[in-house]
Amino acid sequence: MRYMKAFEERLERFRTSFPTAKSVVVLTVSYYSPDDRTRFVMEPTGRVARYARGRDYHKVLEKKLKILSQKIREKAGEKIILRHFVDTGPMLERKLARFAGLGFIGKNTTLITPHGSYFFLAELVTDLELEVDQEEAFEGCGRCTLCIDACPTDAIHEPFTIDARRCISYLTIEHKGAIEEDLARKMGDWVFGCDICIDVCPFNSRPIETPWEELKPSAGVGSEIPLQSVLELESDEEFRTRFQGTPLTRPKREGLKRNASIVLENLEGKEDQVPLALRKTLHE
């Protein structure tokens, strides 16, 4: 991913601008909510990755981090320096989380905690000298290869390595232009992102539901979106009105329409993947 190439440069700028940084506090919050996929709509729908079903997590977490930072300053002194990051900062978040004792890196490259991997990560960097936590010592993936076996595009071509060029999440969100035919057919009904390698992980068998209303499907686009309504978006203004404040703005109108078109084609002739009400209509 091209934007990752600037990582080292951004990290060096951060180090130069904050030479007194001593500690990183790594935080997690669950984004998991049970599926709310409606089976009573009159048109085919595409699935949305769990993390993207509510409001844009960047804005949600940043708002919470500002509140937390102020509370810390009230306790530790107003002169302490605190800077926060949510996904976009020059931080190797998964490694920091592992060093902080939150979990281990799984074969699907996600951070896996004792409570699974449906978590957002965020960081507070401070000039406070804080006691270092010990790394979590619970068992890792072992011989399990469920995530590798389940990936329809073979993006996890070897343990702990993702080929972004084949990853459905990358293809539906970051990739520009047309998607290779063979990969498009393997996208199934994923219109934005993908949860397959996370959903099959045994550590996610008993997930913790998010405590934040902003991250729940009811606050955003939900578990699935009607494909035809996406294809009918004729202007960027319509697109922004529909998806503003949610992660689905990331691929822009052209990208989301491309995804919807692919999913609609993938669903043709596969009635078991079409909403129940539409299946009944097809048989009438």
Protein backbone atom coordinates (compact mmCIF):
# COMPACT_ATOMS: atom_id res chain seq x y z
CA MET A 1 0.00 0.00 0.00
CA ARG A 2 1.57 3.23 -1.19
CA TYR A 3 0.70 5.32 1.85
CA MET A 4 2.76 2.96 4.01
CA LYS A 5 5.94 3.93 2.14
CA ALA A 6 6.00 7.27 3.94
CA PHE A 7 5.91 5.56 7.35
CA GLU A 8 9.60 5.89 8.23
CA GLU A 9 9.68 9.54 7.21
CA ARG A 10 6.61 10.33 9.30
CA LEU A 11 8.03 8.43 12.27
CA GLU A 12 11.28 10.39 12.09
CA ARG A 13 9.36 13.69 11.96
CA PHE A 14 7.42 12.61 15.02
CA ARG A 15 10.59 11.71 16.92
CA THR A 16 12.12 15.06 16.02
CA SER A 17 9.04 17.01 17.09
CA PHE A 18 8.61 15.05 20.34
CA PRO A 19 12.13 14.19 21.56
CA THR A 20 10.98 13.94 25.22
CA ALA A 21 8.52 11.09 24.55
CA LYS A 22 9.06 8.31 27.09
CA SER A 23 5.97 6.07 27.16
CA VAL A 24 3.21 4.78 24.91
CA VAL A 25 -0.15 3.79 26.37
CA VAL A 26 -1.93 1.36 24.03
CA LEU A 27 -5.69 1.12 24.25
CA THR A 28 -8.28 -1.21 22.77
CA VAL A 29 -12.03 -0.99 22.33
CA SER A 30 -14.28 -3.68 20.90
CA TYR A 31 -16.17 -2.93 17.70
CA TYR A 32 -18.04 -6.24 17.68
CA SER A 33 -21.81 -6.34 17.34
CA PRO A 34 -23.93 -9.35 16.39
CA ASP A 35 -25.07 -9.52 12.77
CA ASP A 36 -28.16 -7.46 12.10
CA ARG A 37 -28.49 -8.62 8.50
CA THR A 38 -32.10 -8.20 7.50
CA ARG A 39 -33.52 -11.01 5.39
CA PHE A 40 -36.64 -9.12 4.40
CA VAL A 41 -35.53 -6.62 1.76
CA MET A 42 -36.62 -6.69 -1.85
CA GLU A 43 -33.20 -6.41 -3.47
CA PRO A 44 -29.77 -8.05 -3.21
CA THR A 45 -27.42 -6.67 -0.58
CA GLY A 46 -23.67 -6.61 0.00
CA ARG A 47 -21.95 -7.33 3.30
CA VAL A 48 -20.03 -4.71 5.26
CA ALA A 49 -17.07 -5.58 7.51
CA ARG A 50 -17.95 -5.40 11.20
CA TYR A 51 -15.62 -2.51 12.00
CA ALA A 52 -17.30 -0.29 9.40
CA ARG A 53 -20.95 -0.81 10.33
CA GLY A 54 -21.18 2.12 12.74
CA ARG A 55 -19.75 5.62 12.66
CA ASP A 56 -16.22 6.39 11.47
CA TYR A 57 -14.05 4.97 14.25
CA HIS A 58 -11.31 7.54 13.73
CA LYS A 59 -13.59 10.37 14.80
CA VAL A 60 -15.27 8.34 17.55
CA LEU A 61 -11.99 7.29 19.16
CA GLU A 62 -10.32 10.68 18.75
CA LYS A 63 -13.18 12.33 20.64
CA LYS A 64 -12.84 9.80 23.47
CA LEU A 65 -9.04 10.17 23.52
CA LYS A 66 -9.29 13.93 23.96
CA ILE A 67 -11.50 13.40 27.00
CA LEU A 68 -9.12 10.77 28.39
CA SER A 69 -6.10 13.02 27.80
CA GLN A 70 -7.71 15.83 29.75
CA LYS A 71 -8.50 13.52 32.66
CA ILE A 72 -4.89 12.32 32.72
CA ARG A 73 -3.61 15.90 32.73
CA GLU A 74 -5.90 16.71 35.64
CA LYS A 75 -4.34 13.84 37.59
CA ALA A 76 -0.71 14.08 36.47
CA GLY A 77 -0.34 17.80 35.89
CA GLU A 78 -1.36 20.16 33.10
CA LYS A 79 2.22 20.49 31.81
CA ILE A 80 2.61 16.88 30.72
CA ILE A 81 2.66 16.26 26.99
CA LEU A 82 0.13 13.84 25.49
CA ARG A 83 -0.42 13.06 21.84
CA HIS A 84 -2.91 10.54 20.58
CA PHE A 85 -3.15 8.41 17.45
CA VAL A 86 -5.90 6.32 15.92
CA ASP A 87 -4.70 4.12 13.08
CA THR A 88 -3.28 6.99 11.03
CA GLY A 89 -0.18 7.83 13.10
CA PRO A 90 3.40 6.62 12.52
CA MET A 91 2.95 3.76 14.98
CA LEU A 92 3.48 0.02 14.57
CA GLU A 93 0.27 -0.47 16.50
CA ARG A 94 0.13 -4.27 16.61
CA LYS A 95 3.72 -4.55 17.84
CA LEU A 96 3.17 -1.84 20.44
CA ALA A 97 0.05 -3.66 21.63
CA ARG A 98 2.02 -6.89 21.91
CA PHE A 99 4.79 -5.16 23.86
CA ALA A 100 2.12 -3.65 26.13
CA GLY A 101 0.88 -7.12 27.02
CA LEU A 102 -2.44 -6.98 25.18
CA GLY A 103 -1.99 -10.09 23.04
CA PHE A 104 -0.03 -11.72 20.22
CA ILE A 105 0.12 -11.36 16.44
CA GLY A 106 -1.87 -14.12 14.74
CA LYS A 107 -1.24 -15.88 11.43
CA ASN A 108 -3.77 -13.54 9.82
CA THR A 109 -1.53 -10.62 10.99
CA THR A 110 -4.13 -9.20 13.41
CA LEU A 111 -3.57 -8.63 17.12
CA ILE A 112 -5.29 -11.44 19.03
CA THR A 113 -6.14 -10.79 22.68
CA PRO A 114 -7.53 -13.28 25.21
CA HIS A 115 -10.94 -11.91 24.14
CA GLY A 116 -10.35 -12.19 20.39
CA SER A 117 -9.46 -9.65 17.73
CA TYR A 118 -12.57 -7.53 17.16
CA PHE A 119 -10.76 -4.49 18.58
CA PHE A 120 -9.64 -1.07 17.46
CA LEU A 121 -6.23 0.12 18.64
CA ALA A 122 -5.26 3.60 19.72
CA GLU A 123 -2.22 5.13 21.40
CA LEU A 124 -1.35 7.90 23.81
CA VAL A 125 2.28 9.02 23.66
CA THR A 126 3.51 10.96 26.68
CA ASP A 127 6.63 12.36 28.33
CA LEU A 128 5.60 10.63 31.56
CA GLU A 129 7.84 7.80 32.74
CA LEU A 130 5.45 4.88 33.15
CA GLU A 131 6.00 1.34 34.36
CA VAL A 132 6.27 -1.10 31.46
CA ASP A 133 3.74 -3.94 31.25
CA GLN A 134 4.87 -7.48 30.58
CA GLU A 135 3.98 -9.15 27.30
CA GLU A 136 0.93 -11.44 27.43
CA ALA A 137 2.02 -15.04 27.90
CA PHE A 138 -1.06 -16.97 26.71
CA GLU A 139 -0.86 -19.52 23.91
CA GLY A 140 -0.65 -18.37 20.29
CA CYS A 141 -2.07 -19.86 17.08
CA GLY A 142 -0.26 -23.17 17.45
CA ARG A 143 -1.00 -25.45 14.51
CA CYS A 144 -4.30 -23.75 13.65
CA THR A 145 -4.59 -22.65 10.00
CA LEU A 146 -8.31 -21.84 9.85
CA CYS A 147 -7.70 -18.25 8.71
CA ILE A 148 -5.32 -19.38 5.97
CA ASP A 149 -7.67 -22.11 4.76
CA ALA A 150 -10.75 -19.85 4.80
CA CYS A 151 -9.36 -16.93 2.77
CA PRO A 152 -11.07 -17.21 -0.65
CA THR A 153 -8.35 -15.26 -2.48
CA ASP A 154 -5.33 -16.95 -0.82
CA ALA A 155 -4.17 -13.59 0.47
CA ILE A 156 -2.54 -15.25 3.51
CA HIS A 157 -0.02 -17.04 1.33
CA GLU A 158 2.06 -17.95 4.36
CA PRO A 159 1.55 -17.56 8.12
CA PHE A 160 1.89 -13.99 9.46
CA THR A 161 2.04 -12.50 5.95
CA ILE A 162 -0.73 -10.85 3.94
CA ASP A 163 -0.52 -10.16 0.22
CA ALA A 164 -2.57 -6.95 0.16
CA ARG A 165 -2.99 -7.25 -3.61
CA ARG A 166 -5.22 -10.29 -3.01
CA CYS A 167 -6.95 -9.24 0.22
CA ILE A 168 -10.67 -8.53 -0.15
CA SER A 169 -10.44 -5.71 2.39
CA TYR A 170 -7.72 -4.04 0.36
CA LEU A 171 -9.45 -4.65 -2.96
CA THR A 172 -12.79 -3.19 -1.84
CA ILE A 173 -11.38 -0.21 0.06
CA GLU A 174 -7.90 0.86 -1.09
CA HIS A 175 -7.54 -0.54 -4.60
CA LYS A 176 -8.11 1.96 -7.40
CA GLY A 177 -9.61 1.06 -10.74
CA ALA A 178 -10.81 -2.29 -12.02
CA ILE A 179 -10.35 -5.46 -9.96
CA GLU A 180 -8.84 -8.49 -11.66
CA GLU A 181 -11.61 -10.80 -12.84
CA ASP A 182 -10.43 -13.87 -10.92
CA LEU A 183 -10.24 -11.92 -7.65
CA ALA A 184 -13.54 -10.15 -8.26
CA ARG A 185 -15.36 -13.48 -8.55
CA LYS A 186 -13.87 -14.54 -5.20
CA MET A 187 -15.14 -11.43 -3.39
CA GLY A 188 -18.51 -13.10 -2.87
CA ASP A 189 -20.96 -10.61 -1.39
CA TRP A 190 -18.41 -8.39 0.39
CA VAL A 191 -19.11 -4.84 -0.77
CA PHE A 192 -16.83 -3.17 1.81
CA GLY A 193 -14.06 -4.94 3.69
CA CYS A 194 -14.01 -8.57 4.80
CA ASP A 195 -14.19 -10.48 8.11
CA ILE A 196 -13.54 -14.04 6.98
CA CYS A 197 -10.09 -14.59 8.52
CA ILE A 198 -11.24 -12.97 11.76
CA ASP A 199 -14.62 -14.70 12.01
CA VAL A 200 -13.11 -18.19 11.73
CA CYS A 201 -10.51 -17.56 14.45
CA PRO A 202 -11.22 -19.73 17.55
CA PHE A 203 -10.27 -16.81 19.80
CA ASN A 204 -13.33 -14.97 18.45
CA SER A 205 -15.80 -17.65 19.54
CA ARG A 206 -16.92 -15.54 22.52
CA PRO A 207 -16.47 -11.91 21.45
CA ILE A 208 -17.08 -8.91 23.67
CA GLU A 209 -19.82 -6.65 22.30
CA THR A 210 -18.86 -3.01 21.87
CA PRO A 211 -19.94 -0.76 24.76
CA TRP A 212 -20.10 2.30 22.51
CA GLU A 213 -23.35 3.10 20.71
CA GLU A 214 -21.46 5.00 17.98
CA LEU A 215 -19.77 1.79 16.83
CA LYS A 216 -22.95 -0.29 16.62
CA PRO A 217 -24.65 -1.03 13.25
CA SER A 218 -27.68 1.03 14.26
CA ALA A 219 -25.50 4.15 14.30
CA GLY A 220 -24.20 3.67 10.76
CA VAL A 221 -24.87 1.67 7.62
CA GLY A 222 -25.46 -1.67 9.33
CA SER A 223 -24.35 -5.16 8.36
CA GLU A 224 -25.34 -4.92 4.71
CA ILE A 225 -26.35 -2.33 2.14
CA PRO A 226 -28.76 -2.66 -0.81
CA LEU A 227 -26.67 -2.89 -3.97
CA GLN A 228 -29.06 -1.19 -6.37
CA SER A 229 -29.25 1.93 -4.22
CA VAL A 230 -25.45 2.22 -4.43
CA LEU A 231 -25.45 1.77 -8.21
CA GLU A 232 -28.06 4.51 -8.53
CA LEU A 233 -25.89 7.14 -6.83
CA GLU A 234 -25.43 9.70 -9.60
CA SER A 235 -23.30 12.33 -7.89
CA ASP A 236 -20.63 12.69 -5.24
CA GLU A 237 -23.05 14.86 -3.30
CA GLU A 238 -25.55 12.01 -3.14
CA PHE A 239 -22.77 9.67 -2.08
CA ARG A 240 -21.62 11.98 0.73
CA THR A 241 -25.17 12.51 1.95
CA ARG A 242 -25.70 8.75 2.15
CA PHE A 243 -22.38 7.71 3.73
CA GLN A 244 -20.90 10.79 5.40
CA GLY A 245 -19.51 10.06 8.85
CA THR A 246 -19.00 6.34 8.11
CA PRO A 247 -15.94 4.42 6.87
CA LEU A 248 -17.69 3.72 3.55
CA THR A 249 -16.58 7.08 2.15
CA ARG A 250 -13.02 5.70 1.87
CA PRO A 251 -13.29 4.07 -1.60
CA LYS A 252 -15.27 7.06 -2.90
CA ARG A 253 -18.37 6.75 -5.05
CA GLU A 254 -16.62 5.10 -7.98
CA GLY A 255 -15.01 2.44 -5.78
CA LEU A 256 -18.18 1.55 -3.90
CA LYS A 257 -20.20 1.38 -7.12
CA ARG A 258 -17.54 -0.89 -8.62
CA ASN A 259 -17.81 -3.18 -5.58
CA ALA A 260 -21.61 -3.20 -5.72
CA SER A 261 -21.55 -4.13 -9.39
CA ILE A 262 -19.15 -7.03 -8.73
CA VAL A 263 -21.20 -8.35 -5.81
CA LEU A 264 -24.43 -8.12 -7.80
CA GLU A 265 -22.84 -10.19 -10.56
CA ASN A 266 -21.49 -12.68 -8.01
CA LEU A 267 -24.97 -13.16 -6.57
CA GLU A 268 -26.61 -13.93 -9.91
CA GLY A 269 -27.72 -17.54 -9.95
CA LYS A 270 -26.85 -18.02 -6.28
CA GLU A 271 -30.21 -17.72 -4.61
CA ASP A 272 -28.91 -18.96 -1.27
CA GLN A 273 -26.93 -15.71 -0.98
CA VAL A 274 -29.85 -13.47 -1.92
CA PRO A 275 -32.13 -12.03 0.82
CA LEU A 276 -35.05 -14.26 1.78
CA ALA A 277 -37.79 -11.93 0.53
CA LEU A 278 -36.12 -11.66 -2.85
CA ARG A 279 -35.71 -15.46 -3.07
CA LYS A 280 -39.46 -15.82 -2.53
CA THR A 281 -40.08 -13.28 -5.28
CA LEU A 282 -37.82 -15.16 -7.69
CA HIS A 283 -39.84 -18.35 -7.18
CA GLU A 284 -43.24 -16.69 -7.65
